[in-house]
Amino acid sequence: MGGDFAPDAIVKGAIEAQKQLLPGEHIVLFGDQDRIFNILDQENVDKSTFEVVHCSEVIGMGENPAKTFAKKTDSSITVGFRHLVQQKIDGFASAGNTGAMLVGTMYTVKSVPGIIRPAIASYIPVSENKFNLLLDVGLNPDCRPDVLYQYGILGNIYAKLIFGINKPRVGLLNIGEEEEKGNLVTKSAHELMNGSLDYNFVGNVEGNELFSDSKADVIVCDGFVGNVLLKEAEAFYHLIKKRNISDPFFEMFNFENYGGTPVLGVNSPVIIGHGVSNAKAIMNMILQTKTVIKTGVCEKFKEAFS
């Protein structure tokens, strides 16, 4: 029920995603049952295609995440997380209130033991068919060096399983490639990451290398810098479209093509979608959630930090 175009875009996206799932894989929809059924009727889709869990409340996009998550116990986000922690579903995705999704993640499925702070990651296009992984992009605006070191582990595992890269190159975003460059946090993080046995650290990565495949597959930064970069990339895409420039590479900046942002370092798969998601974005968010489930990323995190 969350997102600017809910529930229409959510249900229509789920219909398209279900067409691409294998037998035995199915989608559970949380929300107003009558409204969901009305959309299914309009699209001539059998109601039995989905399991629908009726929820009488909705967490609005502008509501206080922590207070509302605790107060609205029958909201689609709250009930969804309840199902996830009870293992009634294998993964949970939503384009609703981002803060409520993060609160729900930390209150219910929680961090993998040993992980100081989870991160949210984003895909950064470097060619028509390849992405770099950037983390964190907004969960932790202030990071200690040891948190950044752990982000390297999280990104390394994710890039191996989701991107299929055998030995991902992990870089630290900085203002220069020399190890003595940066602020106190990045210089200390570089000392920890340099020579790491947990991943293939390739050193500092500058901003002009962000969209390049030449140096790193995983780029680590704090959530303040990462969020600014992510929104700048979104603005760059909209500027290109506004100028009527059509190019396959620039189209990779369209968030609709991957749908959502994974929360890395928690015990169960959680994907957070963009509030303006349309049906295509929802479809891809669901398919990305399936991939995270199937590859067992969360289990690999637990093994790495056990």
Protein backbone atom coordinates (compact mmCIF):
# COMPACT_ATOMS: atom_id res chain seq x y z
CA MET A 1 0.00 0.00 0.00
CA GLY A 2 3.03 2.28 0.09
CA GLY A 3 4.36 4.45 -2.72
CA ASP A 4 3.02 7.30 -4.80
CA PHE A 5 1.08 5.02 -7.17
CA ALA A 6 -0.07 2.33 -4.74
CA PRO A 7 -1.84 0.01 -4.86
CA ASP A 8 -2.30 0.05 -8.67
CA ALA A 9 1.39 0.07 -9.60
CA ILE A 10 2.18 -2.52 -6.93
CA VAL A 11 -0.45 -5.00 -8.07
CA LYS A 12 0.25 -4.50 -11.77
CA GLY A 13 3.96 -4.94 -11.17
CA ALA A 14 3.27 -8.11 -9.18
CA ILE A 15 1.17 -9.45 -12.06
CA GLU A 16 4.09 -8.98 -14.47
CA ALA A 17 6.60 -10.45 -12.01
CA GLN A 18 4.46 -13.52 -11.36
CA LYS A 19 4.57 -14.34 -15.08
CA GLN A 20 8.35 -14.74 -14.78
CA LEU A 21 8.37 -16.92 -11.66
CA LEU A 22 8.81 -20.67 -11.69
CA PRO A 23 6.18 -23.17 -10.48
CA GLY A 24 6.18 -23.20 -6.69
CA GLU A 25 7.25 -19.56 -6.46
CA HIS A 26 4.53 -17.10 -5.56
CA ILE A 27 3.95 -13.55 -4.40
CA VAL A 28 2.20 -12.53 -1.20
CA LEU A 29 0.49 -9.13 -1.29
CA PHE A 30 -0.09 -7.16 1.93
CA GLY A 31 -2.77 -4.50 1.85
CA ASP A 32 -6.44 -3.65 1.39
CA GLN A 33 -7.94 -6.86 0.05
CA ASP A 34 -10.92 -5.24 -1.67
CA ARG A 35 -8.76 -2.74 -3.55
CA ILE A 36 -6.30 -5.46 -4.55
CA PHE A 37 -9.10 -7.72 -5.81
CA ASN A 38 -10.62 -4.82 -7.78
CA ILE A 39 -7.35 -4.26 -9.62
CA LEU A 40 -7.00 -7.98 -10.32
CA ASP A 41 -10.53 -7.99 -11.74
CA GLN A 42 -9.73 -4.98 -13.93
CA GLU A 43 -6.64 -6.79 -15.26
CA ASN A 44 -8.58 -10.05 -15.77
CA VAL A 45 -6.29 -11.92 -13.38
CA ASP A 46 -7.50 -14.85 -11.28
CA LYS A 47 -7.56 -13.85 -7.58
CA SER A 48 -5.96 -17.18 -6.66
CA THR A 49 -2.78 -16.10 -8.49
CA PHE A 50 -1.66 -14.33 -5.32
CA GLU A 51 -1.92 -14.88 -1.61
CA VAL A 52 -3.44 -11.71 -0.20
CA VAL A 53 -3.02 -10.76 3.46
CA HIS A 54 -5.57 -8.09 4.35
CA CYS A 55 -4.19 -5.06 6.22
CA SER A 56 -6.44 -2.29 7.48
CA GLU A 57 -3.77 0.39 7.94
CA VAL A 58 -1.17 2.22 5.84
CA ILE A 59 2.01 4.01 6.98
CA GLY A 60 2.02 7.29 5.05
CA MET A 61 5.12 8.55 3.30
CA GLY A 62 5.35 11.58 5.60
CA GLU A 63 4.68 9.85 8.93
CA ASN A 64 7.26 9.35 11.68
CA PRO A 65 8.77 5.91 10.92
CA ALA A 66 9.50 4.61 14.43
CA LYS A 67 6.32 5.86 16.09
CA THR A 68 4.05 4.79 13.25
CA PHE A 69 5.62 1.35 12.84
CA ALA A 70 4.94 0.64 16.52
CA LYS A 71 1.47 2.22 16.49
CA LYS A 72 0.03 0.91 13.21
CA THR A 73 0.32 -2.79 13.94
CA ASP A 74 -1.98 -3.72 11.04
CA SER A 75 -0.19 -1.70 8.36
CA SER A 76 1.07 -3.48 5.25
CA ILE A 77 4.72 -2.82 6.22
CA THR A 78 4.32 -3.98 9.83
CA VAL A 79 2.39 -7.12 8.89
CA GLY A 80 4.85 -7.88 6.11
CA PHE A 81 7.78 -7.81 8.50
CA ARG A 82 5.85 -9.96 10.95
CA HIS A 83 5.45 -12.59 8.24
CA LEU A 84 9.14 -12.31 7.35
CA VAL A 85 10.40 -12.84 10.88
CA GLN A 86 7.97 -15.74 11.32
CA GLN A 87 9.37 -17.23 8.08
CA LYS A 88 5.96 -17.25 6.41
CA ILE A 89 7.65 -15.46 3.49
CA ASP A 90 11.26 -15.70 2.28
CA GLY A 91 11.82 -12.05 1.40
CA PHE A 92 10.04 -8.72 1.78
CA ALA A 93 9.99 -5.76 -0.62
CA SER A 94 8.15 -2.44 -0.47
CA ALA A 95 8.10 0.97 -2.14
CA GLY A 96 6.52 2.47 0.96
CA ASN A 97 7.91 4.74 3.68
CA THR A 98 11.69 4.16 3.56
CA GLY A 99 12.18 5.07 7.20
CA ALA A 100 9.49 2.60 8.26
CA MET A 101 11.15 -0.10 6.16
CA LEU A 102 14.48 0.55 7.87
CA VAL A 103 12.87 0.65 11.32
CA GLY A 104 11.03 -2.58 10.56
CA THR A 105 14.24 -4.22 9.42
CA MET A 106 16.13 -3.30 12.59
CA TYR A 107 13.23 -4.09 14.96
CA THR A 108 12.30 -7.47 13.50
CA VAL A 109 14.79 -9.41 11.35
CA LYS A 110 17.73 -7.41 12.84
CA SER A 111 21.42 -7.36 11.97
CA VAL A 112 23.49 -10.48 11.49
CA PRO A 113 25.46 -11.02 14.73
CA GLY A 114 28.92 -9.49 14.36
CA ILE A 115 27.86 -6.78 11.92
CA ILE A 116 28.21 -3.36 13.51
CA ARG A 117 25.84 -1.52 11.15
CA PRO A 118 23.96 -2.82 8.09
CA ALA A 119 24.10 -0.87 4.83
CA ILE A 120 21.90 -0.17 1.86
CA ALA A 121 23.55 -0.61 -1.51
CA SER A 122 22.85 0.78 -4.95
CA TYR A 123 23.75 -0.21 -8.50
CA ILE A 124 25.96 2.26 -10.40
CA PRO A 125 26.08 1.65 -14.19
CA VAL A 126 29.52 1.33 -15.79
CA SER A 127 28.44 -0.10 -19.17
CA GLU A 128 25.30 -1.27 -20.97
CA ASN A 129 25.41 -4.59 -19.11
CA LYS A 130 27.44 -4.08 -15.92
CA PHE A 131 27.04 -2.30 -12.60
CA ASN A 132 29.34 -1.30 -9.77
CA LEU A 133 28.00 -1.72 -6.24
CA LEU A 134 28.02 1.39 -4.04
CA LEU A 135 27.48 1.17 -0.29
CA ASP A 136 26.32 2.74 1.96
CA VAL A 137 23.85 5.03 0.19
CA GLY A 138 21.93 6.49 3.11
CA LEU A 139 21.50 4.22 6.10
CA ASN A 140 24.53 5.44 8.08
CA PRO A 141 25.59 9.06 7.40
CA ASP A 142 28.38 8.81 10.00
CA CYS A 143 30.63 5.74 9.84
CA ARG A 144 33.59 4.55 11.87
CA PRO A 145 36.54 3.00 10.02
CA ASP A 146 35.66 -0.51 11.22
CA VAL A 147 32.13 -0.09 9.81
CA LEU A 148 33.57 0.85 6.41
CA TYR A 149 35.84 -2.20 6.62
CA GLN A 150 32.80 -4.42 7.15
CA TYR A 151 31.04 -2.78 4.20
CA GLY A 152 33.84 -4.20 2.10
CA ILE A 153 32.93 -7.70 3.29
CA LEU A 154 29.21 -7.16 2.62
CA GLY A 155 29.84 -5.73 -0.83
CA ASN A 156 32.30 -8.48 -1.69
CA ILE A 157 29.81 -11.25 -0.88
CA TYR A 158 26.96 -9.51 -2.69
CA ALA A 159 29.03 -8.88 -5.83
CA LYS A 160 30.10 -12.53 -5.91
CA LEU A 161 26.60 -13.95 -5.59
CA ILE A 162 24.46 -11.37 -7.42
CA PHE A 163 26.89 -10.01 -10.02
CA GLY A 164 28.70 -13.32 -10.50
CA ILE A 165 32.19 -11.79 -10.10
CA ASN A 166 34.67 -14.40 -8.90
CA LYS A 167 37.03 -12.00 -7.12
CA PRO A 168 35.41 -8.57 -6.76
CA ARG A 169 37.70 -5.55 -6.55
CA VAL A 170 36.80 -3.51 -3.46
CA GLY A 171 37.70 0.19 -3.38
CA LEU A 172 37.32 3.01 -0.87
CA LEU A 173 35.83 6.26 -2.18
CA ASN A 174 38.23 9.12 -1.46
CA ILE A 175 39.50 12.47 -2.74
CA GLY A 176 42.73 10.98 -4.12
CA GLU A 177 44.21 7.60 -4.94
CA GLU A 178 47.19 8.00 -2.55
CA GLU A 179 46.72 6.22 0.77
CA GLU A 180 47.59 9.32 2.78
CA LYS A 181 44.71 11.28 1.17
CA GLY A 182 41.32 11.85 2.79
CA ASN A 183 39.88 12.73 6.17
CA LEU A 184 40.59 10.95 9.44
CA VAL A 185 37.89 8.33 8.81
CA THR A 186 38.95 7.38 5.27
CA LYS A 187 42.65 7.34 6.16
CA SER A 188 41.96 5.04 9.11
CA ALA A 189 39.64 2.88 7.00
CA HIS A 190 42.36 2.57 4.34
CA GLU A 191 44.79 1.30 6.98
CA LEU A 192 42.29 -1.39 8.02
CA MET A 193 41.33 -2.39 4.48
CA ASN A 194 44.85 -2.44 3.03
CA GLY A 195 46.09 -6.02 2.89
CA SER A 196 42.73 -7.41 4.00
CA LEU A 197 42.32 -11.18 3.82
CA ASP A 198 38.52 -10.80 3.67
CA TYR A 199 38.42 -9.26 0.19
CA ASN A 200 40.52 -7.95 -2.70
CA PHE A 201 41.14 -4.33 -1.68
CA VAL A 202 42.37 -2.18 -4.60
CA GLY A 203 42.87 1.08 -2.74
CA ASN A 204 41.23 4.48 -3.00
CA VAL A 205 38.75 5.26 -5.77
CA GLU A 206 38.19 8.86 -6.87
CA GLY A 207 34.85 10.34 -7.88
CA ASN A 208 35.78 10.39 -11.57
CA GLU A 209 36.22 6.59 -11.45
CA LEU A 210 32.75 5.95 -10.05
CA PHE A 211 31.20 5.15 -13.44
CA SER A 212 34.22 3.23 -14.70
CA ASP A 213 34.96 -0.49 -14.77
CA SER A 214 38.70 0.10 -14.72
CA LYS A 215 39.40 -0.08 -11.00
CA ALA A 216 36.68 -1.45 -8.70
CA ASP A 217 33.50 -3.55 -8.66
CA VAL A 218 32.50 -2.55 -5.12
CA ILE A 219 32.93 1.01 -3.84
CA VAL A 220 32.69 1.71 -0.12
CA CYS A 221 31.71 5.05 1.43
CA ASP A 222 29.61 6.42 4.29
CA GLY A 223 25.88 6.90 3.84
CA PHE A 224 26.10 10.70 3.63
CA VAL A 225 28.42 10.71 0.62
CA GLY A 226 26.71 7.68 -0.93
CA ASN A 227 23.27 9.23 -0.78
CA VAL A 228 24.49 12.47 -2.37
CA LEU A 229 26.11 10.46 -5.18
CA LEU A 230 23.00 8.33 -5.73
CA LYS A 231 20.70 11.34 -6.01
CA GLU A 232 23.19 13.09 -8.28
CA ALA A 233 23.13 10.04 -10.58
CA GLU A 234 19.31 10.16 -10.60
CA ALA A 235 19.41 13.87 -11.47
CA PHE A 236 21.93 13.14 -14.22
CA TYR A 237 19.55 10.61 -15.77
CA HIS A 238 16.61 13.02 -15.67
CA LEU A 239 18.74 15.75 -17.25
CA ILE A 240 19.68 13.40 -20.10
CA LYS A 241 16.02 12.48 -20.67
CA LYS A 242 14.98 16.13 -20.54
CA ARG A 243 17.40 16.89 -23.36
CA ASN A 244 15.88 14.03 -25.41
CA ILE A 245 19.14 12.09 -25.51
CA SER A 246 18.61 8.38 -26.09
CA ASP A 247 21.47 6.04 -25.28
CA PRO A 248 21.54 2.44 -23.92
CA PHE A 249 24.16 3.31 -21.31
CA PHE A 250 22.30 6.30 -19.92
CA GLU A 251 19.12 4.19 -19.77
CA MET A 252 20.91 2.00 -17.19
CA PHE A 253 20.59 4.91 -14.77
CA ASN A 254 16.81 4.43 -14.75
CA PHE A 255 15.98 2.91 -11.36
CA GLU A 256 13.03 1.11 -12.96
CA ASN A 257 15.48 -1.40 -14.43
CA TYR A 258 16.48 -2.84 -11.06
CA GLY A 259 13.60 -1.70 -8.90
CA GLY A 260 14.98 -1.49 -5.39
CA THR A 261 17.85 -1.19 -2.94
CA PRO A 262 18.88 -4.21 -0.84
CA VAL A 263 19.59 -3.93 2.87
CA LEU A 264 22.89 -5.76 3.40
CA GLY A 265 23.89 -7.33 6.69
CA VAL A 266 20.50 -8.36 8.06
CA ASN A 267 19.13 -11.84 8.71
CA SER A 268 16.50 -11.94 5.95
CA PRO A 269 16.14 -10.46 2.45
CA VAL A 270 14.71 -6.92 2.53
CA ILE A 271 14.47 -4.75 -0.60
CA ILE A 272 13.46 -1.07 -0.45
CA GLY A 273 11.89 0.44 -3.57
CA HIS A 274 11.62 4.03 -4.75
CA GLY A 275 8.48 5.88 -3.65
CA VAL A 276 7.68 6.85 -7.26
CA SER A 277 7.91 3.25 -8.50
CA ASN A 278 5.69 2.33 -11.42
CA ALA A 279 4.65 -1.20 -12.42
CA LYS A 280 7.93 -1.90 -14.22
CA ALA A 281 9.99 -0.86 -11.20
CA ILE A 282 7.84 -3.01 -8.90
CA MET A 283 8.23 -5.99 -11.22
CA ASN A 284 12.01 -5.66 -11.16
CA MET A 285 12.05 -5.08 -7.40
CA ILE A 286 10.20 -8.37 -6.91
CA LEU A 287 12.50 -10.23 -9.30
CA GLN A 288 15.54 -8.78 -7.53
CA THR A 289 14.09 -9.99 -4.22
CA LYS A 290 13.78 -13.48 -5.71
CA THR A 291 17.44 -13.38 -6.77
CA VAL A 292 18.56 -12.34 -3.28
CA ILE A 293 16.52 -15.20 -1.81
CA LYS A 294 17.74 -17.82 -4.28
CA THR A 295 21.43 -16.95 -3.97
CA GLY A 296 21.36 -17.19 -0.17
CA VAL A 297 23.12 -13.86 0.36
CA CYS A 298 21.88 -13.52 3.94
CA GLU A 299 23.17 -16.98 4.84
CA LYS A 300 26.57 -16.07 3.37
CA PHE A 301 26.64 -12.96 5.57
CA LYS A 302 25.96 -15.12 8.62
CA GLU A 303 28.75 -17.53 7.66
CA ALA A 304 31.22 -14.70 7.09
CA PHE A 305 30.56 -13.14 10.50
CA SER A 306 30.05 -16.30 12.54
